[in-house]
């Protein structure tokens, strides 16, 4: 299925201006063959779902599920591909590899910057999931960045630097953002129900009860929910449980059975299967990689 990678160079990216940042809004086909870049690429999924395939040092393909709201980073030379994409749209923020040089010391203070942008810290599980409000805020930052890239101002490079730094701060800074003053146009009852799910992902999800509490029919709630998150309520709840499991595996030496129970899984076997499908590797292998990175 996977052929030798093609290589995309900085000069191949089409843009009306010569700038240190180039942005594409890509509607991805069902599959994309493995390839590499000579630039940094920040990818934010804004629609649909698919499978992302990365190739660690041993060149073994590692597949994981990605959905609307997921963000990941590809450093120069890293090989990746896509498969099984369904209505899958992404923003590709392509950054010249020397652009962060003068900003590294400041950006390293952000909570998640080192894990994604510094090669020595790079892990195979290389994605964040933005909760809906943060996603909409990040989307607005991208629009500002696009305006800066296409500006004809003599201060364009400075505007790009400020806009890109603002986007990175929003995405790779704190884990959570305020849900107040949402400009998304989504009913506040729906957002409130999502907030409650995110606060307690380990709880059993009762779709009819949640929809009723939001003042909506079950089918209406499910439809609107998928518009906001890109997946069904049940799948989203599963992904929230898995994200909580990932954080526990990163920060604590808990037995896997305890991790499963604290995240609402009936047993560790279910957690192992779901974790591997979502992140491309079983939780034990993920924990070992994190320990190596932190050493």
C-alpha atoms as a PDB file:
ATOM      1  CA  UNK A   1       0.000   0.000   0.000  1.00  0.00           C
ATOM      2  CA  UNK A   2       2.817   2.431   0.861  1.00  0.00           C
ATOM      3  CA  UNK A   3       5.311   3.422  -1.819  1.00  0.00           C
ATOM      4  CA  UNK A   4       8.588   5.274  -1.460  1.00  0.00           C
ATOM      5  CA  UNK A   5       7.817   8.812  -0.358  1.00  0.00           C
ATOM      6  CA  UNK A   6       7.757  11.735  -2.674  1.00  0.00           C
ATOM      7  CA  UNK A   7       9.347  14.909  -1.353  1.00  0.00           C
ATOM      8  CA  UNK A   8       7.716  18.328  -1.165  1.00  0.00           C
ATOM      9  CA  UNK A   9      10.142  21.230  -1.030  1.00  0.00           C
ATOM     10  CA  UNK A  10       9.511  24.775   0.141  1.00  0.00           C
ATOM     11  CA  UNK A  11       9.850  26.052  -3.428  1.00  0.00           C
ATOM     12  CA  UNK A  12       7.024  23.764  -4.582  1.00  0.00           C
ATOM     13  CA  UNK A  13       4.484  25.528  -2.367  1.00  0.00           C
ATOM     14  CA  UNK A  14       2.573  27.993  -4.490  1.00  0.00           C
ATOM     15  CA  UNK A  15       1.994  31.429  -3.011  1.00  0.00           C
ATOM     16  CA  UNK A  16       1.411  34.905  -4.361  1.00  0.00           C
ATOM     17  CA  UNK A  17       4.217  36.250  -2.178  1.00  0.00           C
ATOM     18  CA  UNK A  18       7.581  35.111  -0.940  1.00  0.00           C
ATOM     19  CA  UNK A  19       6.847  34.754   2.773  1.00  0.00           C
ATOM     20  CA  UNK A  20       8.207  32.583   5.623  1.00  0.00           C
ATOM     21  CA  UNK A  21       4.742  31.030   6.095  1.00  0.00           C
ATOM     22  CA  UNK A  22       2.387  29.550   3.514  1.00  0.00           C
ATOM     23  CA  UNK A  23      -1.117  28.253   4.207  1.00  0.00           C
ATOM     24  CA  UNK A  24      -3.314  25.813   2.328  1.00  0.00           C
ATOM     25  CA  UNK A  25      -6.901  24.748   2.934  1.00  0.00           C
ATOM     26  CA  UNK A  26      -6.813  21.186   1.618  1.00  0.00           C
ATOM     27  CA  UNK A  27      -9.728  18.851   0.924  1.00  0.00           C
ATOM     28  CA  UNK A  28      -7.841  15.595   1.166  1.00  0.00           C
ATOM     29  CA  UNK A  29      -8.662  12.685  -1.125  1.00  0.00           C
ATOM     30  CA  UNK A  30      -9.386   9.246   0.269  1.00  0.00           C
ATOM     31  CA  UNK A  31      -5.674   8.402   0.386  1.00  0.00           C
ATOM     32  CA  UNK A  32      -2.353  10.232   0.106  1.00  0.00           C
ATOM     33  CA  UNK A  33       0.896   8.381  -0.495  1.00  0.00           C
ATOM     34  CA  UNK A  34       3.741   8.700   1.972  1.00  0.00           C
ATOM     35  CA  UNK A  35       5.835  11.835   1.561  1.00  0.00           C
ATOM     36  CA  UNK A  36       8.223  14.180   3.353  1.00  0.00           C
ATOM     37  CA  UNK A  37       8.825  17.957   3.431  1.00  0.00           C
ATOM     38  CA  UNK A  38      11.810  20.225   3.908  1.00  0.00           C
ATOM     39  CA  UNK A  39       9.689  22.636   5.986  1.00  0.00           C
ATOM     40  CA  UNK A  40       7.706  22.509   9.243  1.00  0.00           C
ATOM     41  CA  UNK A  41       4.040  21.703   8.710  1.00  0.00           C
ATOM     42  CA  UNK A  42       1.334  22.346  11.310  1.00  0.00           C
ATOM     43  CA  UNK A  43      -1.847  20.469  10.397  1.00  0.00           C
ATOM     44  CA  UNK A  44      -5.263  21.291  11.894  1.00  0.00           C
ATOM     45  CA  UNK A  45      -8.194  19.094  10.885  1.00  0.00           C
ATOM     46  CA  UNK A  46     -11.257  21.251  10.275  1.00  0.00           C
ATOM     47  CA  UNK A  47     -13.643  18.707   8.795  1.00  0.00           C
ATOM     48  CA  UNK A  48     -14.337  14.983   8.710  1.00  0.00           C
ATOM     49  CA  UNK A  49     -12.073  12.180   9.840  1.00  0.00           C
ATOM     50  CA  UNK A  50      -9.344   9.943   8.493  1.00  0.00           C
ATOM     51  CA  UNK A  51      -6.312   7.845   9.302  1.00  0.00           C
ATOM     52  CA  UNK A  52      -2.875   9.415   9.648  1.00  0.00           C
ATOM     53  CA  UNK A  53       0.115   7.158   9.015  1.00  0.00           C
ATOM     54  CA  UNK A  54       3.533   8.087  10.367  1.00  0.00           C
ATOM     55  CA  UNK A  55       6.831   6.279   9.962  1.00  0.00           C
ATOM     56  CA  UNK A  56       9.101   6.268  13.044  1.00  0.00           C
ATOM     57  CA  UNK A  57      12.817   5.568  12.910  1.00  0.00           C
ATOM     58  CA  UNK A  58      12.390   1.866  12.091  1.00  0.00           C
ATOM     59  CA  UNK A  59      10.127   2.827   9.146  1.00  0.00           C
ATOM     60  CA  UNK A  60       7.237   0.748  10.475  1.00  0.00           C
ATOM     61  CA  UNK A  61       3.908   2.328   9.589  1.00  0.00           C
ATOM     62  CA  UNK A  62       1.979   3.600  12.639  1.00  0.00           C
ATOM     63  CA  UNK A  63      -1.681   4.429  11.932  1.00  0.00           C
ATOM     64  CA  UNK A  64      -3.970   6.504  14.111  1.00  0.00           C
ATOM     65  CA  UNK A  65      -7.411   8.063  13.810  1.00  0.00           C
ATOM     66  CA  UNK A  66      -7.692  11.835  13.378  1.00  0.00           C
ATOM     67  CA  UNK A  67     -10.879  13.895  13.554  1.00  0.00           C
ATOM     68  CA  UNK A  68     -12.003  17.499  13.353  1.00  0.00           C
ATOM     69  CA  UNK A  69     -10.152  19.481  16.018  1.00  0.00           C
ATOM     70  CA  UNK A  70      -6.980  17.381  15.963  1.00  0.00           C
ATOM     71  CA  UNK A  71      -3.669  19.185  15.465  1.00  0.00           C
ATOM     72  CA  UNK A  72      -0.300  17.620  14.733  1.00  0.00           C
ATOM     73  CA  UNK A  73       3.126  18.801  13.578  1.00  0.00           C
ATOM     74  CA  UNK A  74       5.479  17.374  10.962  1.00  0.00           C
ATOM     75  CA  UNK A  75       9.140  18.335  11.198  1.00  0.00           C
ATOM     76  CA  UNK A  76      11.421  18.457   8.130  1.00  0.00           C
ATOM     77  CA  UNK A  77      12.188  14.981   6.838  1.00  0.00           C
ATOM     78  CA  UNK A  78       9.396  13.180   8.699  1.00  0.00           C
ATOM     79  CA  UNK A  79       7.445  10.801   6.491  1.00  0.00           C
ATOM     80  CA  UNK A  80       3.665  10.503   6.678  1.00  0.00           C
ATOM     81  CA  UNK A  81       0.581   9.566   4.665  1.00  0.00           C
ATOM     82  CA  UNK A  82      -3.224   9.519   4.873  1.00  0.00           C
ATOM     83  CA  UNK A  83      -5.756   6.721   4.337  1.00  0.00           C
ATOM     84  CA  UNK A  84      -9.508   6.083   4.616  1.00  0.00           C
ATOM     85  CA  UNK A  85     -10.333   9.804   4.602  1.00  0.00           C
ATOM     86  CA  UNK A  86     -14.005  10.806   4.626  1.00  0.00           C
ATOM     87  CA  UNK A  87     -14.916  14.422   3.803  1.00  0.00           C
ATOM     88  CA  UNK A  88     -11.538  15.224   5.289  1.00  0.00           C
ATOM     89  CA  UNK A  89     -10.358  18.836   5.277  1.00  0.00           C
ATOM     90  CA  UNK A  90      -7.224  20.278   6.873  1.00  0.00           C
ATOM     91  CA  UNK A  91      -5.390  23.550   7.203  1.00  0.00           C
ATOM     92  CA  UNK A  92      -1.707  23.117   6.288  1.00  0.00           C
ATOM     93  CA  UNK A  93       0.382  25.838   7.896  1.00  0.00           C
ATOM     94  CA  UNK A  94       3.777  25.474   6.241  1.00  0.00           C
ATOM     95  CA  UNK A  95       6.622  27.271   7.989  1.00  0.00           C
ATOM     96  CA  UNK A  96      10.151  27.772   6.681  1.00  0.00           C
ATOM     97  CA  UNK A  97      12.369  25.650   8.915  1.00  0.00           C
ATOM     98  CA  UNK A  98      14.533  28.538  10.115  1.00  0.00           C
ATOM     99  CA  UNK A  99      11.583  30.757  11.062  1.00  0.00           C
ATOM    100  CA  UNK A 100      11.434  29.752  14.744  1.00  0.00           C
ATOM    101  CA  UNK A 101      15.154  30.270  15.379  1.00  0.00           C
ATOM    102  CA  UNK A 102      14.833  33.661  17.052  1.00  0.00           C
ATOM    103  CA  UNK A 103      11.711  32.645  18.968  1.00  0.00           C
ATOM    104  CA  UNK A 104      12.728  29.268  20.378  1.00  0.00           C
ATOM    105  CA  UNK A 105      13.656  30.442  23.883  1.00  0.00           C
ATOM    106  CA  UNK A 106      10.285  32.129  24.399  1.00  0.00           C
ATOM    107  CA  UNK A 107       8.199  29.454  22.702  1.00  0.00           C
ATOM    108  CA  UNK A 108       9.799  26.683  24.767  1.00  0.00           C
ATOM    109  CA  UNK A 109       7.976  28.057  27.802  1.00  0.00           C
ATOM    110  CA  UNK A 110       4.636  26.998  26.270  1.00  0.00           C
ATOM    111  CA  UNK A 111       3.260  23.836  27.799  1.00  0.00           C
ATOM    112  CA  UNK A 112       3.289  21.694  24.644  1.00  0.00           C
ATOM    113  CA  UNK A 113       5.826  23.388  22.342  1.00  0.00           C
ATOM    114  CA  UNK A 114       8.786  21.103  23.047  1.00  0.00           C
ATOM    115  CA  UNK A 115       6.785  17.932  22.412  1.00  0.00           C
ATOM    116  CA  UNK A 116       5.902  19.033  18.903  1.00  0.00           C
ATOM    117  CA  UNK A 117       8.656  21.293  17.578  1.00  0.00           C
ATOM    118  CA  UNK A 118      11.937  20.116  19.115  1.00  0.00           C
ATOM    119  CA  UNK A 119      13.279  16.924  17.451  1.00  0.00           C
ATOM    120  CA  UNK A 120      14.836  15.546  20.658  1.00  0.00           C
ATOM    121  CA  UNK A 121      11.384  15.539  22.275  1.00  0.00           C
ATOM    122  CA  UNK A 122       9.469  14.174  19.316  1.00  0.00           C
ATOM    123  CA  UNK A 123       7.145  11.214  20.025  1.00  0.00           C
ATOM    124  CA  UNK A 124       5.125   9.008  17.690  1.00  0.00           C
ATOM    125  CA  UNK A 125       1.875  10.063  19.370  1.00  0.00           C
ATOM    126  CA  UNK A 126       2.120  13.570  18.057  1.00  0.00           C
ATOM    127  CA  UNK A 127      -1.306  15.177  18.202  1.00  0.00           C
ATOM    128  CA  UNK A 128      -3.484  17.393  20.346  1.00  0.00           C
ATOM    129  CA  UNK A 129      -7.250  17.520  20.290  1.00  0.00           C
ATOM    130  CA  UNK A 130      -8.741  20.996  20.512  1.00  0.00           C
ATOM    131  CA  UNK A 131     -12.009  21.194  22.400  1.00  0.00           C
ATOM    132  CA  UNK A 132     -14.715  23.020  20.402  1.00  0.00           C
ATOM    133  CA  UNK A 133     -14.224  26.514  21.803  1.00  0.00           C
ATOM    134  CA  UNK A 134     -10.461  26.369  21.383  1.00  0.00           C
ATOM    135  CA  UNK A 135     -10.967  25.051  17.859  1.00  0.00           C
ATOM    136  CA  UNK A 136     -13.112  28.034  16.880  1.00  0.00           C
ATOM    137  CA  UNK A 137     -10.624  30.413  18.456  1.00  0.00           C
ATOM    138  CA  UNK A 138      -7.740  28.746  16.584  1.00  0.00           C
ATOM    139  CA  UNK A 139      -9.768  28.982  13.373  1.00  0.00           C
ATOM    140  CA  UNK A 140     -10.043  32.763  13.855  1.00  0.00           C
ATOM    141  CA  UNK A 141      -6.281  32.969  14.425  1.00  0.00           C
ATOM    142  CA  UNK A 142      -5.691  31.155  11.133  1.00  0.00           C
ATOM    143  CA  UNK A 143      -7.856  33.689   9.313  1.00  0.00           C
ATOM    144  CA  UNK A 144      -5.743  36.487  10.794  1.00  0.00           C
ATOM    145  CA  UNK A 145      -2.599  34.645   9.709  1.00  0.00           C
ATOM    146  CA  UNK A 146      -3.952  34.279   6.155  1.00  0.00           C
ATOM    147  CA  UNK A 147      -4.587  38.016   6.014  1.00  0.00           C
ATOM    148  CA  UNK A 148      -1.018  38.685   7.149  1.00  0.00           C
ATOM    149  CA  UNK A 149       0.462  36.282   4.581  1.00  0.00           C
ATOM    150  CA  UNK A 150      -1.427  37.964   1.736  1.00  0.00           C
ATOM    151  CA  UNK A 151      -0.843  41.504   2.900  1.00  0.00           C
ATOM    152  CA  UNK A 152       1.184  43.874   0.729  1.00  0.00           C
ATOM    153  CA  UNK A 153       2.303  45.877   3.757  1.00  0.00           C
ATOM    154  CA  UNK A 154       6.031  46.502   4.201  1.00  0.00           C
ATOM    155  CA  UNK A 155       5.514  45.098   7.727  1.00  0.00           C
ATOM    156  CA  UNK A 156       4.138  41.807   6.372  1.00  0.00           C
ATOM    157  CA  UNK A 157       6.846  39.622   7.915  1.00  0.00           C
ATOM    158  CA  UNK A 158       6.279  41.177  11.338  1.00  0.00           C
ATOM    159  CA  UNK A 159       2.509  40.695  10.978  1.00  0.00           C
ATOM    160  CA  UNK A 160       3.061  37.044  10.036  1.00  0.00           C
ATOM    161  CA  UNK A 161       5.355  36.510  13.013  1.00  0.00           C
ATOM    162  CA  UNK A 162       2.806  38.017  15.404  1.00  0.00           C
ATOM    163  CA  UNK A 163      -0.147  36.093  13.905  1.00  0.00           C
ATOM    164  CA  UNK A 164       1.691  32.766  13.850  1.00  0.00           C
ATOM    165  CA  UNK A 165       2.936  33.221  17.413  1.00  0.00           C
ATOM    166  CA  UNK A 166      -0.636  34.034  18.498  1.00  0.00           C
ATOM    167  CA  UNK A 167      -1.911  30.848  16.826  1.00  0.00           C
ATOM    168  CA  UNK A 168       0.821  28.723  18.425  1.00  0.00           C
ATOM    169  CA  UNK A 169       0.132  30.240  21.838  1.00  0.00           C
ATOM    170  CA  UNK A 170      -3.578  29.413  21.452  1.00  0.00           C
ATOM    171  CA  UNK A 171      -3.016  25.816  20.342  1.00  0.00           C
ATOM    172  CA  UNK A 172       0.129  24.728  22.162  1.00  0.00           C
ATOM    173  CA  UNK A 173      -0.174  26.761  25.342  1.00  0.00           C
ATOM    174  CA  UNK A 174      -2.683  25.902  28.029  1.00  0.00           C
ATOM    175  CA  UNK A 175      -4.684  22.683  27.887  1.00  0.00           C
ATOM    176  CA  UNK A 176      -8.069  24.378  28.143  1.00  0.00           C
ATOM    177  CA  UNK A 177      -9.641  27.659  27.156  1.00  0.00           C
ATOM    178  CA  UNK A 178     -12.639  29.593  28.433  1.00  0.00           C
ATOM    179  CA  UNK A 179     -15.992  28.715  26.898  1.00  0.00           C
ATOM    180  CA  UNK A 180     -17.389  32.204  27.389  1.00  0.00           C
ATOM    181  CA  UNK A 181     -18.259  34.594  24.572  1.00  0.00           C
ATOM    182  CA  UNK A 182     -18.360  31.939  21.869  1.00  0.00           C
ATOM    183  CA  UNK A 183     -18.833  33.369  18.404  1.00  0.00           C
ATOM    184  CA  UNK A 184     -19.446  30.032  16.759  1.00  0.00           C
ATOM    185  CA  UNK A 185     -23.193  30.420  16.406  1.00  0.00           C
ATOM    186  CA  UNK A 186     -23.797  27.040  18.050  1.00  0.00           C
ATOM    187  CA  UNK A 187     -26.607  26.825  20.590  1.00  0.00           C
ATOM    188  CA  UNK A 188     -25.223  27.426  24.102  1.00  0.00           C
ATOM    189  CA  UNK A 189     -27.151  24.388  25.420  1.00  0.00           C
ATOM    190  CA  UNK A 190     -25.194  22.164  23.065  1.00  0.00           C
ATOM    191  CA  UNK A 191     -21.887  23.706  24.098  1.00  0.00           C
ATOM    192  CA  UNK A 192     -22.815  23.350  27.749  1.00  0.00           C
ATOM    193  CA  UNK A 193     -23.533  19.655  27.285  1.00  0.00           C
ATOM    194  CA  UNK A 194     -20.145  19.208  25.595  1.00  0.00           C
ATOM    195  CA  UNK A 195     -18.454  21.005  28.482  1.00  0.00           C
ATOM    196  CA  UNK A 196     -20.045  18.563  30.934  1.00  0.00           C
ATOM    197  CA  UNK A 197     -18.873  15.602  28.847  1.00  0.00           C
ATOM    198  CA  UNK A 198     -15.351  17.009  28.779  1.00  0.00           C
ATOM    199  CA  UNK A 199     -15.296  17.610  32.525  1.00  0.00           C
ATOM    200  CA  UNK A 200     -16.258  14.007  33.305  1.00  0.00           C
ATOM    201  CA  UNK A 201     -15.286  11.742  30.376  1.00  0.00           C
ATOM    202  CA  UNK A 202     -15.193   8.735  32.680  1.00  0.00           C
ATOM    203  CA  UNK A 203     -18.963   8.824  33.265  1.00  0.00           C
ATOM    204  CA  UNK A 204     -21.361   6.601  31.323  1.00  0.00           C
ATOM    205  CA  UNK A 205     -22.787   8.468  28.338  1.00  0.00           C
ATOM    206  CA  UNK A 206     -26.610   8.432  28.102  1.00  0.00           C
ATOM    207  CA  UNK A 207     -27.468  10.050  24.744  1.00  0.00           C
ATOM    208  CA  UNK A 208     -31.261  10.431  25.235  1.00  0.00           C
ATOM    209  CA  UNK A 209     -30.781  11.981  28.688  1.00  0.00           C
ATOM    210  CA  UNK A 210     -28.067  14.369  27.477  1.00  0.00           C
ATOM    211  CA  UNK A 211     -30.158  15.427  24.462  1.00  0.00           C
ATOM    212  CA  UNK A 212     -33.207  16.010  26.654  1.00  0.00           C
ATOM    213  CA  UNK A 213     -31.191  18.108  29.081  1.00  0.00           C
ATOM    214  CA  UNK A 214     -30.016  20.207  26.117  1.00  0.00           C
ATOM    215  CA  UNK A 215     -33.646  20.695  25.036  1.00  0.00           C
ATOM    216  CA  UNK A 216     -33.221  18.744  21.807  1.00  0.00           C
ATOM    217  CA  UNK A 217     -34.406  15.496  20.258  1.00  0.00           C
ATOM    218  CA  UNK A 218     -31.916  12.633  20.188  1.00  0.00           C
ATOM    219  CA  UNK A 219     -31.534  12.795  16.404  1.00  0.00           C
ATOM    220  CA  UNK A 220     -31.322  16.601  16.368  1.00  0.00           C
ATOM    221  CA  UNK A 221     -28.715  16.598  19.098  1.00  0.00           C
ATOM    222  CA  UNK A 222     -26.618  13.955  17.326  1.00  0.00           C
ATOM    223  CA  UNK A 223     -26.752  15.907  14.055  1.00  0.00           C
ATOM    224  CA  UNK A 224     -25.709  19.217  15.618  1.00  0.00           C
ATOM    225  CA  UNK A 225     -23.068  17.494  17.756  1.00  0.00           C
ATOM    226  CA  UNK A 226     -21.420  15.994  14.682  1.00  0.00           C
ATOM    227  CA  UNK A 227     -21.416  19.411  13.001  1.00  0.00           C
ATOM    228  CA  UNK A 228     -19.432  20.816  15.928  1.00  0.00           C
ATOM    229  CA  UNK A 229     -17.009  17.963  16.646  1.00  0.00           C
ATOM    230  CA  UNK A 230     -16.838  16.006  13.382  1.00  0.00           C
ATOM    231  CA  UNK A 231     -17.911  12.705  14.955  1.00  0.00           C
ATOM    232  CA  UNK A 232     -20.913  11.189  16.719  1.00  0.00           C
ATOM    233  CA  UNK A 233     -21.482  11.859  20.445  1.00  0.00           C
ATOM    234  CA  UNK A 234     -20.528   8.278  21.289  1.00  0.00           C
ATOM    235  CA  UNK A 235     -17.256   8.428  19.361  1.00  0.00           C
ATOM    236  CA  UNK A 236     -16.416  11.810  20.863  1.00  0.00           C
ATOM    237  CA  UNK A 237     -16.957  10.495  24.383  1.00  0.00           C
ATOM    238  CA  UNK A 238     -14.658   7.580  23.579  1.00  0.00           C
ATOM    239  CA  UNK A 239     -11.974   9.959  22.331  1.00  0.00           C
ATOM    240  CA  UNK A 240     -12.300  12.055  25.501  1.00  0.00           C
ATOM    241  CA  UNK A 241     -11.748   8.919  27.590  1.00  0.00           C
ATOM    242  CA  UNK A 242      -8.677   8.084  25.506  1.00  0.00           C
ATOM    243  CA  UNK A 243      -7.276  11.597  25.859  1.00  0.00           C
ATOM    244  CA  UNK A 244      -7.662  11.300  29.630  1.00  0.00           C
ATOM    245  CA  UNK A 245      -5.919   7.927  29.510  1.00  0.00           C
ATOM    246  CA  UNK A 246      -3.046   9.456  27.532  1.00  0.00           C
ATOM    247  CA  UNK A 247      -2.577  12.174  30.156  1.00  0.00           C
ATOM    248  CA  UNK A 248      -2.585   9.616  32.971  1.00  0.00           C
ATOM    249  CA  UNK A 249      -0.012   7.532  31.107  1.00  0.00           C
ATOM    250  CA  UNK A 250       2.148  10.629  30.596  1.00  0.00           C
ATOM    251  CA  UNK A 251       2.077  11.831  34.175  1.00  0.00           C
ATOM    252  CA  UNK A 252       1.600   8.837  36.468  1.00  0.00           C
ATOM    253  CA  UNK A 253       2.950   5.319  36.942  1.00  0.00           C
ATOM    254  CA  UNK A 254      -0.539   3.881  37.492  1.00  0.00           C
ATOM    255  CA  UNK A 255      -1.212   0.236  36.627  1.00  0.00           C
ATOM    256  CA  UNK A 256      -3.031  -0.028  33.299  1.00  0.00           C
ATOM    257  CA  UNK A 257      -6.105  -1.501  35.002  1.00  0.00           C
ATOM    258  CA  UNK A 258      -6.385   1.585  37.215  1.00  0.00           C
ATOM    259  CA  UNK A 259      -5.974   3.867  34.210  1.00  0.00           C
ATOM    260  CA  UNK A 260      -8.799   2.022  32.458  1.00  0.00           C
ATOM    261  CA  UNK A 261     -11.143   2.299  35.436  1.00  0.00           C
ATOM    262  CA  UNK A 262     -10.369   5.983  36.047  1.00  0.00           C
ATOM    263  CA  UNK A 263     -11.224   6.699  32.402  1.00  0.00           C
ATOM    264  CA  UNK A 264     -14.510   4.807  32.366  1.00  0.00           C
ATOM    265  CA  UNK A 265     -13.426   1.648  30.527  1.00  0.00           C
ATOM    266  CA  UNK A 266     -14.848  -1.654  31.706  1.00  0.00           C
ATOM    267  CA  UNK A 267     -11.447  -3.352  31.509  1.00  0.00           C
ATOM    268  CA  UNK A 268      -7.889  -2.782  30.325  1.00  0.00           C
ATOM    269  CA  UNK A 269      -8.345  -4.898  27.171  1.00  0.00           C
ATOM    270  CA  UNK A 270     -10.981  -2.487  25.853  1.00  0.00           C
ATOM    271  CA  UNK A 271      -8.667   0.435  26.623  1.00  0.00           C
ATOM    272  CA  UNK A 272      -5.746  -1.241  24.807  1.00  0.00           C
ATOM    273  CA  UNK A 273      -7.793  -1.863  21.629  1.00  0.00           C
ATOM    274  CA  UNK A 274      -9.314   1.632  21.547  1.00  0.00           C
ATOM    275  CA  UNK A 275      -6.032   3.383  22.420  1.00  0.00           C
ATOM    276  CA  UNK A 276      -4.172   1.628  19.613  1.00  0.00           C
ATOM    277  CA  UNK A 277      -6.825   2.560  17.060  1.00  0.00           C
ATOM    278  CA  UNK A 278      -6.831   6.198  18.148  1.00  0.00           C
ATOM    279  CA  UNK A 279      -3.091   6.769  18.681  1.00  0.00           C
ATOM    280  CA  UNK A 280      -1.454   4.069  16.585  1.00  0.00           C
ATOM    281  CA  UNK A 281       0.185   2.155  19.426  1.00  0.00           C
ATOM    282  CA  UNK A 282      -0.885   0.313  22.601  1.00  0.00           C
ATOM    283  CA  UNK A 283      -0.745   2.277  25.876  1.00  0.00           C
ATOM    284  CA  UNK A 284       2.239   0.314  27.205  1.00  0.00           C
ATOM    285  CA  UNK A 285       4.395   1.242  24.212  1.00  0.00           C
ATOM    286  CA  UNK A 286       3.236   4.861  24.471  1.00  0.00           C
ATOM    287  CA  UNK A 287       4.186   5.029  28.155  1.00  0.00           C
ATOM    288  CA  UNK A 288       7.633   3.604  27.439  1.00  0.00           C
ATOM    289  CA  UNK A 289       8.246   6.202  24.702  1.00  0.00           C
ATOM    290  CA  UNK A 290       7.232   9.023  27.042  1.00  0.00           C
ATOM    291  CA  UNK A 291       9.665   7.760  29.668  1.00  0.00           C
ATOM    292  CA  UNK A 292      12.478   7.729  27.115  1.00  0.00           C
ATOM    293  CA  UNK A 293      11.644  11.283  26.029  1.00  0.00           C
ATOM    294  CA  UNK A 294      11.538  12.559  29.611  1.00  0.00           C
ATOM    295  CA  UNK A 295      14.795  10.840  30.560  1.00  0.00           C
END
